[in-house]
Amino acid sequence: MVFAKIGAGDNYIEAESVSDWYLRNLAIYSNIITPIDAKDKYVILIFGQGRIPILKHLLQNNDDFEVVEVNSVLK
């Protein structure tokens, strides 16, 4: 990310903005996995393009989940 490279000395405002963005993704991830019950077969998530790669990465690295594309489930 280009924004993470902006800043020096005591001013890392852009890097802080990127960390806030990642923190928001982690909060979303936590809000996704917390209410899910072991009996739930599917959970469908709809998010914007900017959030999907991070959320997908987090879910793919959680052994409790299998990430599949929605079109394979809706057939």
N, C-alpha and C. Protein backbone atom coordinates (compact mmCIF):
# COMPACT_ATOMS: atom_id res chain seq x y z
N MET A 1 0.83 -1.17 0.00
CA MET A 1 0.00 0.00 0.00
C MET A 1 0.87 1.23 0.00
N VAL A 2 0.56 2.12 -0.87
CA VAL A 2 1.32 3.35 -0.99
C VAL A 2 1.21 4.20 0.28
N PHE A 3 0.02 4.23 0.87
CA PHE A 3 -0.19 5.08 2.04
C PHE A 3 0.72 4.73 3.20
N ALA A 4 1.07 3.48 3.34
CA ALA A 4 1.90 3.06 4.46
C ALA A 4 3.31 3.61 4.37
N LYS A 5 3.72 4.06 3.19
CA LYS A 5 5.07 4.59 2.99
C LYS A 5 5.17 6.07 3.33
N ILE A 6 4.06 6.72 3.58
CA ILE A 6 4.05 8.16 3.79
C ILE A 6 4.17 8.46 5.27
N GLY A 7 5.19 9.22 5.61
CA GLY A 7 5.40 9.62 6.99
C GLY A 7 6.84 9.46 7.39
N ALA A 8 7.25 10.24 8.35
CA ALA A 8 8.62 10.17 8.86
C ALA A 8 8.67 10.91 10.19
N GLY A 9 9.70 10.63 10.94
CA GLY A 9 9.86 11.31 12.23
C GLY A 9 8.73 10.94 13.16
N ASP A 10 8.01 11.95 13.61
CA ASP A 10 6.87 11.72 14.51
C ASP A 10 5.53 11.71 13.77
N ASN A 11 5.56 11.86 12.45
CA ASN A 11 4.33 11.95 11.67
C ASN A 11 4.18 10.73 10.77
N TYR A 12 3.39 9.77 11.21
CA TYR A 12 3.10 8.58 10.41
C TYR A 12 1.60 8.47 10.19
N ILE A 13 0.96 9.59 9.86
CA ILE A 13 -0.49 9.65 9.75
C ILE A 13 -1.03 8.65 8.72
N GLU A 14 -0.36 8.50 7.60
CA GLU A 14 -0.86 7.56 6.59
C GLU A 14 -0.67 6.11 7.04
N ALA A 15 0.45 5.81 7.67
CA ALA A 15 0.66 4.46 8.21
C ALA A 15 -0.37 4.17 9.30
N GLU A 16 -0.71 5.17 10.09
CA GLU A 16 -1.73 5.00 11.12
C GLU A 16 -3.09 4.77 10.49
N SER A 17 -3.37 5.42 9.37
CA SER A 17 -4.63 5.20 8.66
C SER A 17 -4.73 3.77 8.16
N VAL A 18 -3.62 3.25 7.65
CA VAL A 18 -3.60 1.86 7.17
C VAL A 18 -3.81 0.91 8.35
N SER A 19 -3.19 1.19 9.48
CA SER A 19 -3.37 0.31 10.65
C SER A 19 -4.82 0.36 11.13
N ASP A 20 -5.45 1.53 11.06
CA ASP A 20 -6.87 1.64 11.41
C ASP A 20 -7.73 0.79 10.48
N TRP A 21 -7.37 0.78 9.19
CA TRP A 21 -8.10 0.01 8.19
C TRP A 21 -7.97 -1.49 8.50
N TYR A 22 -6.76 -1.94 8.83
CA TYR A 22 -6.55 -3.34 9.20
C TYR A 22 -7.28 -3.68 10.50
N LEU A 23 -7.26 -2.78 11.45
CA LEU A 23 -7.97 -2.99 12.71
C LEU A 23 -9.46 -3.17 12.45
N ARG A 24 -10.01 -2.36 11.56
CA ARG A 24 -11.44 -2.49 11.20
C ARG A 24 -11.71 -3.86 10.60
N ASN A 25 -10.82 -4.36 9.72
CA ASN A 25 -10.98 -5.69 9.14
C ASN A 25 -10.96 -6.76 10.22
N LEU A 26 -10.07 -6.64 11.18
CA LEU A 26 -10.01 -7.61 12.28
C LEU A 26 -11.28 -7.56 13.14
N ALA A 27 -11.82 -6.38 13.34
CA ALA A 27 -13.07 -6.26 14.10
C ALA A 27 -14.22 -6.91 13.33
N ILE A 28 -14.27 -6.69 12.02
CA ILE A 28 -15.29 -7.32 11.19
C ILE A 28 -15.15 -8.84 11.26
N TYR A 29 -13.93 -9.34 11.14
CA TYR A 29 -13.67 -10.77 11.23
C TYR A 29 -14.18 -11.33 12.56
N SER A 30 -13.88 -10.65 13.64
CA SER A 30 -14.34 -11.09 14.96
C SER A 30 -15.87 -11.10 15.02
N ASN A 31 -16.49 -10.08 14.45
CA ASN A 31 -17.95 -10.02 14.44
C ASN A 31 -18.57 -11.11 13.56
N ILE A 32 -17.84 -11.59 12.59
CA ILE A 32 -18.32 -12.69 11.74
C ILE A 32 -18.26 -14.00 12.49
N ILE A 33 -17.12 -14.31 13.10
CA ILE A 33 -16.93 -15.64 13.67
C ILE A 33 -17.57 -15.82 15.04
N THR A 34 -17.79 -14.77 15.78
CA THR A 34 -18.31 -14.89 17.14
C THR A 34 -19.72 -15.48 17.20
N PRO A 35 -20.68 -15.01 16.41
CA PRO A 35 -22.04 -15.55 16.56
C PRO A 35 -22.31 -16.87 15.83
N ILE A 36 -21.34 -17.38 15.10
CA ILE A 36 -21.57 -18.60 14.32
C ILE A 36 -21.60 -19.81 15.23
N ASP A 37 -22.61 -20.63 15.02
CA ASP A 37 -22.79 -21.86 15.78
C ASP A 37 -22.23 -23.03 14.99
N ALA A 38 -21.74 -24.05 15.66
CA ALA A 38 -21.16 -25.22 14.98
C ALA A 38 -22.17 -25.92 14.08
N LYS A 39 -23.46 -25.75 14.35
CA LYS A 39 -24.50 -26.36 13.52
C LYS A 39 -24.75 -25.60 12.23
N ASP A 40 -24.26 -24.37 12.12
CA ASP A 40 -24.46 -23.57 10.90
C ASP A 40 -23.70 -24.20 9.75
N LYS A 41 -24.43 -24.48 8.66
CA LYS A 41 -23.79 -25.11 7.51
C LYS A 41 -23.13 -24.06 6.62
N TYR A 42 -23.80 -22.97 6.40
CA TYR A 42 -23.26 -21.92 5.54
C TYR A 42 -23.40 -20.56 6.21
N VAL A 43 -22.48 -19.69 5.89
CA VAL A 43 -22.55 -18.28 6.25
C VAL A 43 -22.19 -17.52 4.99
N ILE A 44 -23.09 -16.69 4.55
CA ILE A 44 -22.83 -15.91 3.33
C ILE A 44 -22.46 -14.49 3.74
N LEU A 45 -21.32 -14.04 3.25
CA LEU A 45 -20.83 -12.70 3.55
C LEU A 45 -20.86 -11.86 2.29
N ILE A 46 -21.32 -10.66 2.41
CA ILE A 46 -21.31 -9.71 1.30
C ILE A 46 -20.56 -8.48 1.78
N PHE A 47 -19.41 -8.24 1.17
CA PHE A 47 -18.59 -7.09 1.53
C PHE A 47 -18.05 -6.44 0.27
N GLY A 48 -17.56 -5.25 0.41
CA GLY A 48 -16.97 -4.53 -0.71
C GLY A 48 -15.62 -5.12 -1.09
N GLN A 49 -15.20 -4.78 -2.26
CA GLN A 49 -13.97 -5.32 -2.86
C GLN A 49 -12.74 -5.07 -1.99
N GLY A 50 -12.69 -3.99 -1.28
CA GLY A 50 -11.52 -3.67 -0.46
C GLY A 50 -11.38 -4.55 0.78
N ARG A 51 -12.47 -5.06 1.29
CA ARG A 51 -12.45 -5.88 2.51
C ARG A 51 -12.24 -7.36 2.21
N ILE A 52 -12.71 -7.83 1.07
CA ILE A 52 -12.72 -9.25 0.75
C ILE A 52 -11.36 -9.92 0.88
N PRO A 53 -10.27 -9.41 0.31
CA PRO A 53 -8.99 -10.14 0.40
C PRO A 53 -8.53 -10.40 1.84
N ILE A 54 -8.69 -9.42 2.71
CA ILE A 54 -8.25 -9.59 4.10
C ILE A 54 -9.16 -10.57 4.84
N LEU A 55 -10.47 -10.39 4.70
CA LEU A 55 -11.40 -11.29 5.37
C LEU A 55 -11.25 -12.72 4.86
N LYS A 56 -11.08 -12.87 3.57
CA LYS A 56 -10.88 -14.20 2.98
C LYS A 56 -9.62 -14.84 3.55
N HIS A 57 -8.55 -14.08 3.62
CA HIS A 57 -7.29 -14.57 4.18
C HIS A 57 -7.48 -15.04 5.63
N LEU A 58 -8.15 -14.23 6.43
CA LEU A 58 -8.35 -14.57 7.83
C LEU A 58 -9.20 -15.84 7.97
N LEU A 59 -10.25 -15.95 7.18
CA LEU A 59 -11.13 -17.11 7.26
C LEU A 59 -10.46 -18.37 6.72
N GLN A 60 -9.67 -18.22 5.67
CA GLN A 60 -8.97 -19.38 5.10
C GLN A 60 -7.93 -19.93 6.07
N ASN A 61 -7.44 -19.10 6.96
CA ASN A 61 -6.44 -19.53 7.93
C ASN A 61 -7.05 -19.92 9.27
N ASN A 62 -8.36 -20.04 9.30
CA ASN A 62 -9.08 -20.51 10.48
C ASN A 62 -9.57 -21.92 10.16
N ASP A 63 -9.08 -22.91 10.88
CA ASP A 63 -9.42 -24.31 10.61
C ASP A 63 -10.90 -24.62 10.77
N ASP A 64 -11.66 -23.75 11.38
CA ASP A 64 -13.09 -23.98 11.58
C ASP A 64 -13.92 -23.61 10.35
N PHE A 65 -13.28 -23.03 9.33
CA PHE A 65 -14.02 -22.56 8.16
C PHE A 65 -13.45 -23.12 6.87
N GLU A 66 -14.34 -23.29 5.91
CA GLU A 66 -13.94 -23.59 4.54
C GLU A 66 -14.53 -22.46 3.69
N VAL A 67 -13.69 -21.73 3.02
CA VAL A 67 -14.15 -20.62 2.20
C VAL A 67 -14.45 -21.14 0.80
N VAL A 68 -15.67 -20.88 0.34
CA VAL A 68 -16.08 -21.26 -1.01
C VAL A 68 -16.73 -20.04 -1.66
N GLU A 69 -16.67 -19.99 -2.97
CA GLU A 69 -17.32 -18.90 -3.70
C GLU A 69 -18.83 -19.13 -3.67
N VAL A 70 -19.59 -18.07 -3.56
CA VAL A 70 -21.03 -18.17 -3.40
C VAL A 70 -21.71 -18.88 -4.58
N ASN A 71 -21.19 -18.71 -5.82
CA ASN A 71 -21.85 -19.35 -6.96
C ASN A 71 -21.79 -20.88 -6.85
N SER A 72 -20.81 -21.43 -6.18
CA SER A 72 -20.75 -22.90 -6.05
C SER A 72 -21.80 -23.41 -5.06
N VAL A 73 -22.27 -22.57 -4.17
CA VAL A 73 -23.29 -22.95 -3.20
C VAL A 73 -24.70 -22.73 -3.76
N LEU A 74 -24.86 -21.72 -4.57
CA LEU A 74 -26.19 -21.36 -5.08
C LEU A 74 -26.61 -22.12 -6.31
N LYS A 75 -25.81 -23.06 -6.79
CA LYS A 75 -26.17 -23.83 -8.00
C LYS A 75 -27.39 -24.69 -7.75
